[in-house]
Structures are given as structure tokens and as C-alpha cells.
């Protein structure tokens, strides 16, 4: 949760972005297509020192607030690709085990099917 650092009660405008730098509140015009880049303008002096363990921002009420900085980021959910990679790595590990003669024949037949696919991919890359 955020804690208030300075009560300024700034009125915020929709077309401006507000940020805190060196204990002061600044505003700059938001980027818009076809409009030149805006120059930052100092809105108010907060009169406080900033700590690097926190992030500072202007909240809904127009006051300066701070929240603890997330060090090391946040754990992400595994995507479908990561799950697919895990499954394929398990298949490779199990391929090293001894197999019966019947399974070996199926494997050699499957290899024959995979080779033309690999050649097609190589041709596509060479065209580019």
C-alpha cells in the first residue's frame, strides 16, 4: 500500500503526465501524434527527500505518495510455450532409455517422415 508523503491537493489535467523528481512535482504534456514534444514544467515543490527504496507518484487526490519498490520483480505465470518446452524435454530424456525392437522400427519410420519437413524449412529460409 502507498503512504502519503506530502499533501499538495494538485488539480490534475487530463492531457498532462505528472511525476516526482528530486522532491518536486513536474508535469509534461502527453505524447500525441503530430504534436511536438512538450517541455516539463515544475508544478509544486514537495519539500521532502526521496528514498531509493520507494517509488514516488502523484495520487488521485493530487498528493505525493510513495510505495515500496519491488526488488527482483514479480513471479510470472508459466505460458503455454514454457509448458510445451518442458514436455518436449521430458520426451528427449525418455528417448535415451532402452527400447524394444518394435518401438525402434516405429522410431525409424517416424524419422523418415520428419526429414522432408526439415528440408522444406531450410528452403524457406534460403528464399529470404
N, C-alpha and C. Protein backbone atom coordinates (compact mmCIF):
# COMPACT_ATOMS: atom_id res chain seq x y z
N UNK A 1 0.84 -1.20 0.00
CA UNK A 1 0.00 0.00 0.00
C UNK A 1 0.88 1.25 0.00
N UNK A 2 0.30 2.31 -0.52
CA UNK A 2 1.02 3.58 -0.61
C UNK A 2 0.74 4.43 0.62
N UNK A 3 1.74 5.21 0.97
CA UNK A 3 1.57 6.14 2.09
C UNK A 3 1.79 7.55 1.56
N UNK A 4 1.02 8.50 2.06
CA UNK A 4 1.13 9.89 1.60
C UNK A 4 2.37 10.52 2.22
N UNK A 5 3.09 11.26 1.38
CA UNK A 5 4.31 11.92 1.83
C UNK A 5 4.07 13.42 2.00
N UNK A 6 3.39 14.03 1.01
CA UNK A 6 3.10 15.47 1.07
C UNK A 6 1.69 15.71 0.54
N UNK A 7 0.92 16.49 1.28
CA UNK A 7 -0.44 16.83 0.86
C UNK A 7 -0.39 18.14 0.10
N UNK A 8 -0.53 18.06 -1.23
CA UNK A 8 -0.46 19.24 -2.08
C UNK A 8 -1.81 19.61 -2.67
N UNK A 9 -2.69 18.64 -2.89
CA UNK A 9 -4.02 18.90 -3.45
C UNK A 9 -3.98 19.50 -4.84
N UNK A 10 -3.10 18.98 -5.70
CA UNK A 10 -2.97 19.49 -7.06
C UNK A 10 -4.19 19.11 -7.90
N UNK A 11 -4.63 20.05 -8.72
CA UNK A 11 -5.68 19.74 -9.69
C UNK A 11 -5.00 19.16 -10.93
N UNK A 12 -5.39 17.96 -11.30
CA UNK A 12 -4.71 17.30 -12.42
C UNK A 12 -5.47 17.52 -13.72
N UNK A 13 -4.70 17.76 -14.78
CA UNK A 13 -5.28 17.94 -16.11
C UNK A 13 -5.13 16.65 -16.89
N UNK A 14 -6.09 16.37 -17.76
CA UNK A 14 -6.13 15.10 -18.48
C UNK A 14 -4.97 14.95 -19.47
N UNK A 15 -4.57 16.03 -20.13
CA UNK A 15 -3.57 15.97 -21.18
C UNK A 15 -2.13 16.02 -20.66
N UNK A 16 -1.94 16.00 -19.36
CA UNK A 16 -0.59 16.08 -18.80
C UNK A 16 -0.25 14.86 -17.97
N UNK A 17 1.03 14.51 -17.96
CA UNK A 17 1.53 13.42 -17.12
C UNK A 17 2.30 14.07 -15.97
N UNK A 18 2.02 13.62 -14.76
CA UNK A 18 2.65 14.18 -13.57
C UNK A 18 3.65 13.18 -13.00
N UNK A 19 4.80 13.68 -12.56
CA UNK A 19 5.81 12.81 -11.96
C UNK A 19 6.58 13.57 -10.89
N UNK A 20 7.26 12.81 -10.03
CA UNK A 20 8.02 13.39 -8.93
C UNK A 20 9.50 13.21 -9.21
N UNK A 21 10.25 14.31 -9.11
CA UNK A 21 11.69 14.27 -9.36
C UNK A 21 12.37 15.21 -8.37
N UNK A 22 13.31 14.68 -7.61
CA UNK A 22 14.08 15.46 -6.63
C UNK A 22 13.19 16.21 -5.63
N UNK A 23 12.10 15.58 -5.21
CA UNK A 23 11.22 16.17 -4.21
C UNK A 23 10.27 17.22 -4.75
N UNK A 24 10.21 17.39 -6.06
CA UNK A 24 9.30 18.35 -6.69
C UNK A 24 8.36 17.63 -7.64
N UNK A 25 7.20 18.22 -7.87
CA UNK A 25 6.24 17.64 -8.79
C UNK A 25 6.34 18.37 -10.12
N UNK A 26 6.46 17.62 -11.19
CA UNK A 26 6.58 18.16 -12.54
C UNK A 26 5.44 17.64 -13.39
N UNK A 27 5.13 18.39 -14.45
CA UNK A 27 4.14 17.91 -15.41
C UNK A 27 4.69 18.14 -16.82
N UNK A 28 4.30 17.25 -17.72
CA UNK A 28 4.70 17.36 -19.12
C UNK A 28 3.52 16.90 -19.96
N UNK A 29 3.38 17.51 -21.14
CA UNK A 29 2.26 17.16 -22.00
C UNK A 29 2.44 15.74 -22.52
N UNK A 30 1.34 14.98 -22.54
CA UNK A 30 1.39 13.60 -23.04
C UNK A 30 1.70 13.60 -24.53
N UNK A 31 2.35 12.52 -24.97
CA UNK A 31 2.69 12.40 -26.39
C UNK A 31 1.42 12.21 -27.20
N UNK A 32 1.34 12.95 -28.30
CA UNK A 32 0.22 12.83 -29.22
C UNK A 32 0.76 12.88 -30.64
N UNK A 33 0.15 12.13 -31.54
CA UNK A 33 0.65 12.13 -32.91
C UNK A 33 0.53 13.51 -33.56
N UNK A 34 1.59 13.94 -34.21
CA UNK A 34 1.59 15.21 -34.90
C UNK A 34 1.84 16.42 -34.03
N UNK A 35 2.02 16.22 -32.72
CA UNK A 35 2.26 17.32 -31.80
C UNK A 35 3.72 17.25 -31.34
N UNK A 36 4.44 18.38 -31.36
CA UNK A 36 5.84 18.32 -30.91
C UNK A 36 5.95 17.98 -29.42
N UNK A 37 7.11 17.48 -29.04
CA UNK A 37 7.35 17.05 -27.66
C UNK A 37 7.24 18.25 -26.71
N UNK A 38 6.52 18.05 -25.60
CA UNK A 38 6.32 19.12 -24.64
C UNK A 38 7.50 19.29 -23.70
N UNK A 39 7.61 20.45 -23.11
CA UNK A 39 8.68 20.73 -22.16
C UNK A 39 8.16 20.55 -20.74
N UNK A 40 8.94 19.93 -19.85
CA UNK A 40 8.50 19.76 -18.47
C UNK A 40 8.34 21.11 -17.76
N UNK A 41 7.34 21.16 -16.88
CA UNK A 41 7.07 22.38 -16.13
C UNK A 41 6.93 22.01 -14.65
N UNK A 42 7.61 22.75 -13.79
CA UNK A 42 7.54 22.49 -12.35
C UNK A 42 6.21 23.00 -11.81
N UNK A 43 5.47 22.10 -11.14
CA UNK A 43 4.15 22.45 -10.64
C UNK A 43 4.22 22.87 -9.18
N UNK A 44 4.90 22.06 -8.35
CA UNK A 44 4.97 22.37 -6.92
C UNK A 44 6.24 21.79 -6.33
N UNK A 45 6.69 22.39 -5.23
CA UNK A 45 7.84 21.88 -4.51
C UNK A 45 7.32 21.09 -3.31
N UNK A 46 7.61 19.80 -3.28
CA UNK A 46 7.07 18.93 -2.23
C UNK A 46 7.72 19.14 -0.88
N UNK A 47 8.98 19.54 -0.86
CA UNK A 47 9.67 19.79 0.39
C UNK A 47 9.99 18.52 1.16
N UNK A 48 10.35 17.46 0.48
CA UNK A 48 10.70 16.19 1.13
C UNK A 48 11.88 15.57 0.39
N UNK A 49 12.59 14.68 1.07
CA UNK A 49 13.70 13.97 0.46
C UNK A 49 13.23 12.61 -0.01
N UNK A 50 13.77 12.17 -1.14
CA UNK A 50 13.35 10.91 -1.73
C UNK A 50 14.29 9.79 -1.29
N UNK A 51 13.72 8.62 -1.02
CA UNK A 51 14.46 7.43 -0.65
C UNK A 51 14.44 6.47 -1.83
N UNK A 52 15.58 5.86 -2.16
CA UNK A 52 15.67 5.00 -3.34
C UNK A 52 14.92 3.68 -3.16
N UNK A 53 14.50 3.34 -1.95
CA UNK A 53 13.75 2.10 -1.71
C UNK A 53 12.27 2.24 -2.08
N UNK A 54 11.83 3.45 -2.43
CA UNK A 54 10.42 3.71 -2.72
C UNK A 54 10.27 4.34 -4.10
N UNK A 55 9.08 4.17 -4.69
CA UNK A 55 8.73 4.92 -5.90
C UNK A 55 7.73 5.99 -5.48
N UNK A 56 7.88 7.18 -6.05
CA UNK A 56 7.04 8.31 -5.69
C UNK A 56 6.15 8.67 -6.87
N UNK A 57 4.89 9.02 -6.58
CA UNK A 57 3.94 9.35 -7.63
C UNK A 57 2.89 10.30 -7.08
N UNK A 58 2.12 10.91 -8.01
CA UNK A 58 1.02 11.80 -7.63
C UNK A 58 -0.26 10.97 -7.65
N UNK A 59 -0.94 10.88 -6.51
CA UNK A 59 -2.13 10.03 -6.42
C UNK A 59 -3.38 10.75 -6.90
N UNK A 60 -4.54 10.11 -6.76
CA UNK A 60 -5.82 10.66 -7.25
C UNK A 60 -6.16 12.00 -6.62
N UNK A 61 -5.80 12.16 -5.36
CA UNK A 61 -6.14 13.39 -4.64
C UNK A 61 -5.22 14.55 -5.00
N UNK A 62 -4.18 14.29 -5.80
CA UNK A 62 -3.21 15.33 -6.14
C UNK A 62 -2.11 15.45 -5.11
N UNK A 63 -1.99 14.47 -4.23
CA UNK A 63 -0.94 14.46 -3.21
C UNK A 63 0.19 13.54 -3.64
N UNK A 64 1.37 13.75 -3.07
CA UNK A 64 2.51 12.89 -3.37
C UNK A 64 2.46 11.69 -2.44
N UNK A 65 2.55 10.50 -3.03
CA UNK A 65 2.54 9.26 -2.25
C UNK A 65 3.74 8.42 -2.65
N UNK A 66 4.05 7.43 -1.82
CA UNK A 66 5.15 6.53 -2.14
C UNK A 66 4.76 5.10 -1.81
N UNK A 67 5.38 4.17 -2.55
CA UNK A 67 5.13 2.75 -2.33
C UNK A 67 6.47 2.04 -2.38
N UNK A 68 6.57 0.96 -1.64
CA UNK A 68 7.82 0.19 -1.57
C UNK A 68 8.15 -0.33 -2.97
N UNK A 69 9.40 -0.17 -3.38
CA UNK A 69 9.85 -0.62 -4.70
C UNK A 69 9.95 -2.14 -4.70
N UNK A 70 9.47 -2.78 -5.76
CA UNK A 70 9.53 -4.24 -5.89
C UNK A 70 10.92 -4.62 -6.38
N UNK A 71 11.74 -5.16 -5.49
CA UNK A 71 13.11 -5.55 -5.85
C UNK A 71 13.08 -6.98 -6.36
N UNK A 72 13.63 -7.19 -7.53
CA UNK A 72 13.69 -8.54 -8.09
C UNK A 72 12.48 -8.88 -8.93
N UNK A 73 11.53 -8.00 -9.03
CA UNK A 73 10.37 -8.23 -9.87
C UNK A 73 9.36 -9.18 -9.23
N UNK A 74 8.43 -9.61 -10.04
CA UNK A 74 7.34 -10.44 -9.57
C UNK A 74 7.38 -11.76 -10.32
N UNK A 75 7.00 -12.84 -9.66
CA UNK A 75 6.97 -14.14 -10.32
C UNK A 75 5.90 -14.14 -11.39
N UNK A 76 6.22 -14.71 -12.54
CA UNK A 76 5.29 -14.74 -13.66
C UNK A 76 4.66 -16.12 -13.78
N UNK A 77 3.46 -16.15 -14.32
CA UNK A 77 2.82 -17.43 -14.61
C UNK A 77 3.50 -18.03 -15.81
N UNK A 78 3.57 -19.36 -15.86
CA UNK A 78 4.18 -20.02 -17.00
C UNK A 78 3.24 -19.96 -18.18
N UNK A 79 3.78 -19.60 -19.35
CA UNK A 79 2.97 -19.50 -20.56
C UNK A 79 2.86 -20.87 -21.22
N UNK A 80 2.08 -20.96 -22.26
CA UNK A 80 1.90 -22.21 -22.99
C UNK A 80 3.19 -22.69 -23.60
N UNK A 81 4.04 -21.79 -24.07
CA UNK A 81 5.31 -22.17 -24.67
C UNK A 81 6.23 -22.84 -23.66
N UNK A 82 6.29 -22.26 -22.48
CA UNK A 82 7.17 -22.82 -21.45
C UNK A 82 6.71 -24.22 -21.07
N UNK A 83 5.40 -24.43 -20.99
CA UNK A 83 4.86 -25.75 -20.67
C UNK A 83 5.19 -26.74 -21.80
N UNK A 84 5.11 -26.28 -23.05
CA UNK A 84 5.41 -27.15 -24.19
C UNK A 84 6.89 -27.53 -24.20
N UNK A 85 7.74 -26.60 -23.86
CA UNK A 85 9.18 -26.88 -23.80
C UNK A 85 9.49 -27.93 -22.75
N UNK A 86 8.81 -27.82 -21.62
CA UNK A 86 9.03 -28.81 -20.55
C UNK A 86 8.64 -30.20 -21.02
N UNK A 87 7.50 -30.30 -21.70
CA UNK A 87 7.02 -31.59 -22.17
C UNK A 87 8.00 -32.17 -23.19
N UNK A 88 8.51 -31.35 -24.09
CA UNK A 88 9.43 -31.85 -25.11
C UNK A 88 10.75 -32.29 -24.48
N UNK A 89 11.19 -31.61 -23.43
CA UNK A 89 12.44 -32.00 -22.77
C UNK A 89 12.27 -33.34 -22.05
N UNK A 90 11.06 -33.61 -21.54
CA UNK A 90 10.81 -34.90 -20.90
C UNK A 90 10.87 -36.02 -21.93
N UNK A 91 10.36 -35.76 -23.13
CA UNK A 91 10.39 -36.77 -24.19
C UNK A 91 11.82 -37.09 -24.58
N UNK A 92 12.68 -36.09 -24.66
CA UNK A 92 14.07 -36.31 -25.02
C UNK A 92 14.79 -37.15 -23.98
N UNK A 93 14.50 -36.91 -22.72
CA UNK A 93 15.14 -37.67 -21.64
C UNK A 93 14.72 -39.14 -21.70
N UNK A 94 13.45 -39.39 -22.00
CA UNK A 94 12.98 -40.77 -22.02
C UNK A 94 13.47 -41.50 -23.27
N UNK A 95 13.89 -40.79 -24.30
CA UNK A 95 14.37 -41.41 -25.53
C UNK A 95 15.70 -42.13 -25.32
N UNK A 96 16.45 -41.76 -24.30
CA UNK A 96 17.75 -42.38 -24.04
C UNK A 96 17.64 -43.76 -23.42
N UNK A 97 16.49 -44.15 -22.94
CA UNK A 97 16.32 -45.46 -22.31
C UNK A 97 16.26 -46.55 -23.37
N UNK A 98 16.53 -47.79 -22.95
CA UNK A 98 16.48 -48.93 -23.87
C UNK A 98 15.04 -49.15 -24.31
N UNK A 99 14.91 -49.51 -25.61
CA UNK A 99 13.58 -49.74 -26.15
C UNK A 99 13.54 -51.11 -26.82
N UNK A 100 12.36 -51.63 -26.96
CA UNK A 100 12.20 -52.92 -27.63
C UNK A 100 12.37 -52.75 -29.14
N UNK A 101 12.51 -53.86 -29.86
CA UNK A 101 12.73 -53.82 -31.31
C UNK A 101 11.54 -53.21 -32.03
N UNK A 102 10.34 -53.48 -31.56
CA UNK A 102 9.13 -52.94 -32.20
C UNK A 102 9.10 -51.42 -32.14
N UNK A 103 9.49 -50.87 -31.01
CA UNK A 103 9.49 -49.42 -30.87
C UNK A 103 10.58 -48.79 -31.72
N UNK A 104 11.70 -49.49 -31.89
CA UNK A 104 12.79 -48.96 -32.70
C UNK A 104 12.36 -48.83 -34.16
N UNK A 105 11.57 -49.80 -34.65
CA UNK A 105 11.09 -49.73 -36.04
C UNK A 105 10.17 -48.53 -36.22
N UNK A 106 9.28 -48.31 -35.26
CA UNK A 106 8.37 -47.18 -35.35
C UNK A 106 9.14 -45.87 -35.34
N UNK A 107 10.20 -45.83 -34.55
CA UNK A 107 11.00 -44.62 -34.44
C UNK A 107 11.70 -44.32 -35.76
N UNK A 108 12.24 -45.36 -36.42
CA UNK A 108 12.93 -45.14 -37.69
C UNK A 108 11.94 -44.69 -38.77
N UNK A 109 10.72 -45.21 -38.73
CA UNK A 109 9.70 -44.79 -39.68
C UNK A 109 9.32 -43.34 -39.44
N UNK A 110 9.25 -42.95 -38.18
CA UNK A 110 8.90 -41.58 -37.84
C UNK A 110 10.02 -40.63 -38.28
N UNK A 111 11.26 -41.07 -38.19
CA UNK A 111 12.37 -40.22 -38.60
C UNK A 111 12.28 -39.94 -40.09
N UNK A 112 11.90 -40.91 -40.86
CA UNK A 112 11.77 -40.73 -42.30
C UNK A 112 10.74 -39.66 -42.63
N UNK A 113 9.70 -39.54 -41.85
CA UNK A 113 8.67 -38.55 -42.09
C UNK A 113 9.16 -37.15 -41.72
N UNK A 114 9.98 -37.06 -40.72
CA UNK A 114 10.41 -35.76 -40.23
C UNK A 114 11.43 -35.11 -41.14
N UNK A 115 12.25 -35.88 -41.86
CA UNK A 115 13.31 -35.30 -42.67
C UNK A 115 12.79 -34.39 -43.78
N UNK A 116 11.77 -34.74 -44.53
CA UNK A 116 11.30 -33.83 -45.57
C UNK A 116 10.80 -32.50 -45.00
N UNK A 117 10.20 -32.53 -43.82
CA UNK A 117 9.72 -31.31 -43.20
C UNK A 117 10.90 -30.39 -42.91
N UNK A 118 12.00 -30.95 -42.42
CA UNK A 118 13.18 -30.15 -42.11
C UNK A 118 13.75 -29.54 -43.38
N UNK A 119 13.73 -30.26 -44.49
CA UNK A 119 14.24 -29.74 -45.76
C UNK A 119 13.38 -28.59 -46.25
N UNK A 120 12.06 -28.68 -46.07
CA UNK A 120 11.17 -27.61 -46.50
C UNK A 120 11.47 -26.34 -45.73
N UNK A 121 11.70 -26.47 -44.44
CA UNK A 121 12.01 -25.29 -43.63
C UNK A 121 13.29 -24.66 -44.10
N UNK A 122 14.29 -25.46 -44.44
CA UNK A 122 15.56 -24.94 -44.92
C UNK A 122 15.38 -24.18 -46.22
N UNK A 123 14.51 -24.66 -47.11
CA UNK A 123 14.25 -23.99 -48.37
C UNK A 123 13.60 -22.63 -48.14
N UNK A 124 12.69 -22.56 -47.18
CA UNK A 124 12.02 -21.30 -46.89
C UNK A 124 13.02 -20.27 -46.40
N UNK A 125 13.94 -20.70 -45.57
CA UNK A 125 14.93 -19.75 -45.05
C UNK A 125 15.85 -19.26 -46.15
N UNK A 126 16.20 -20.12 -47.11
CA UNK A 126 17.11 -19.73 -48.17
C UNK A 126 16.45 -18.75 -49.15
N UNK A 127 15.14 -18.77 -49.27
CA UNK A 127 14.44 -17.84 -50.17
C UNK A 127 14.53 -16.41 -49.68
N UNK A 128 14.56 -16.22 -48.40
CA UNK A 128 14.58 -14.87 -47.83
C UNK A 128 15.94 -14.33 -47.99
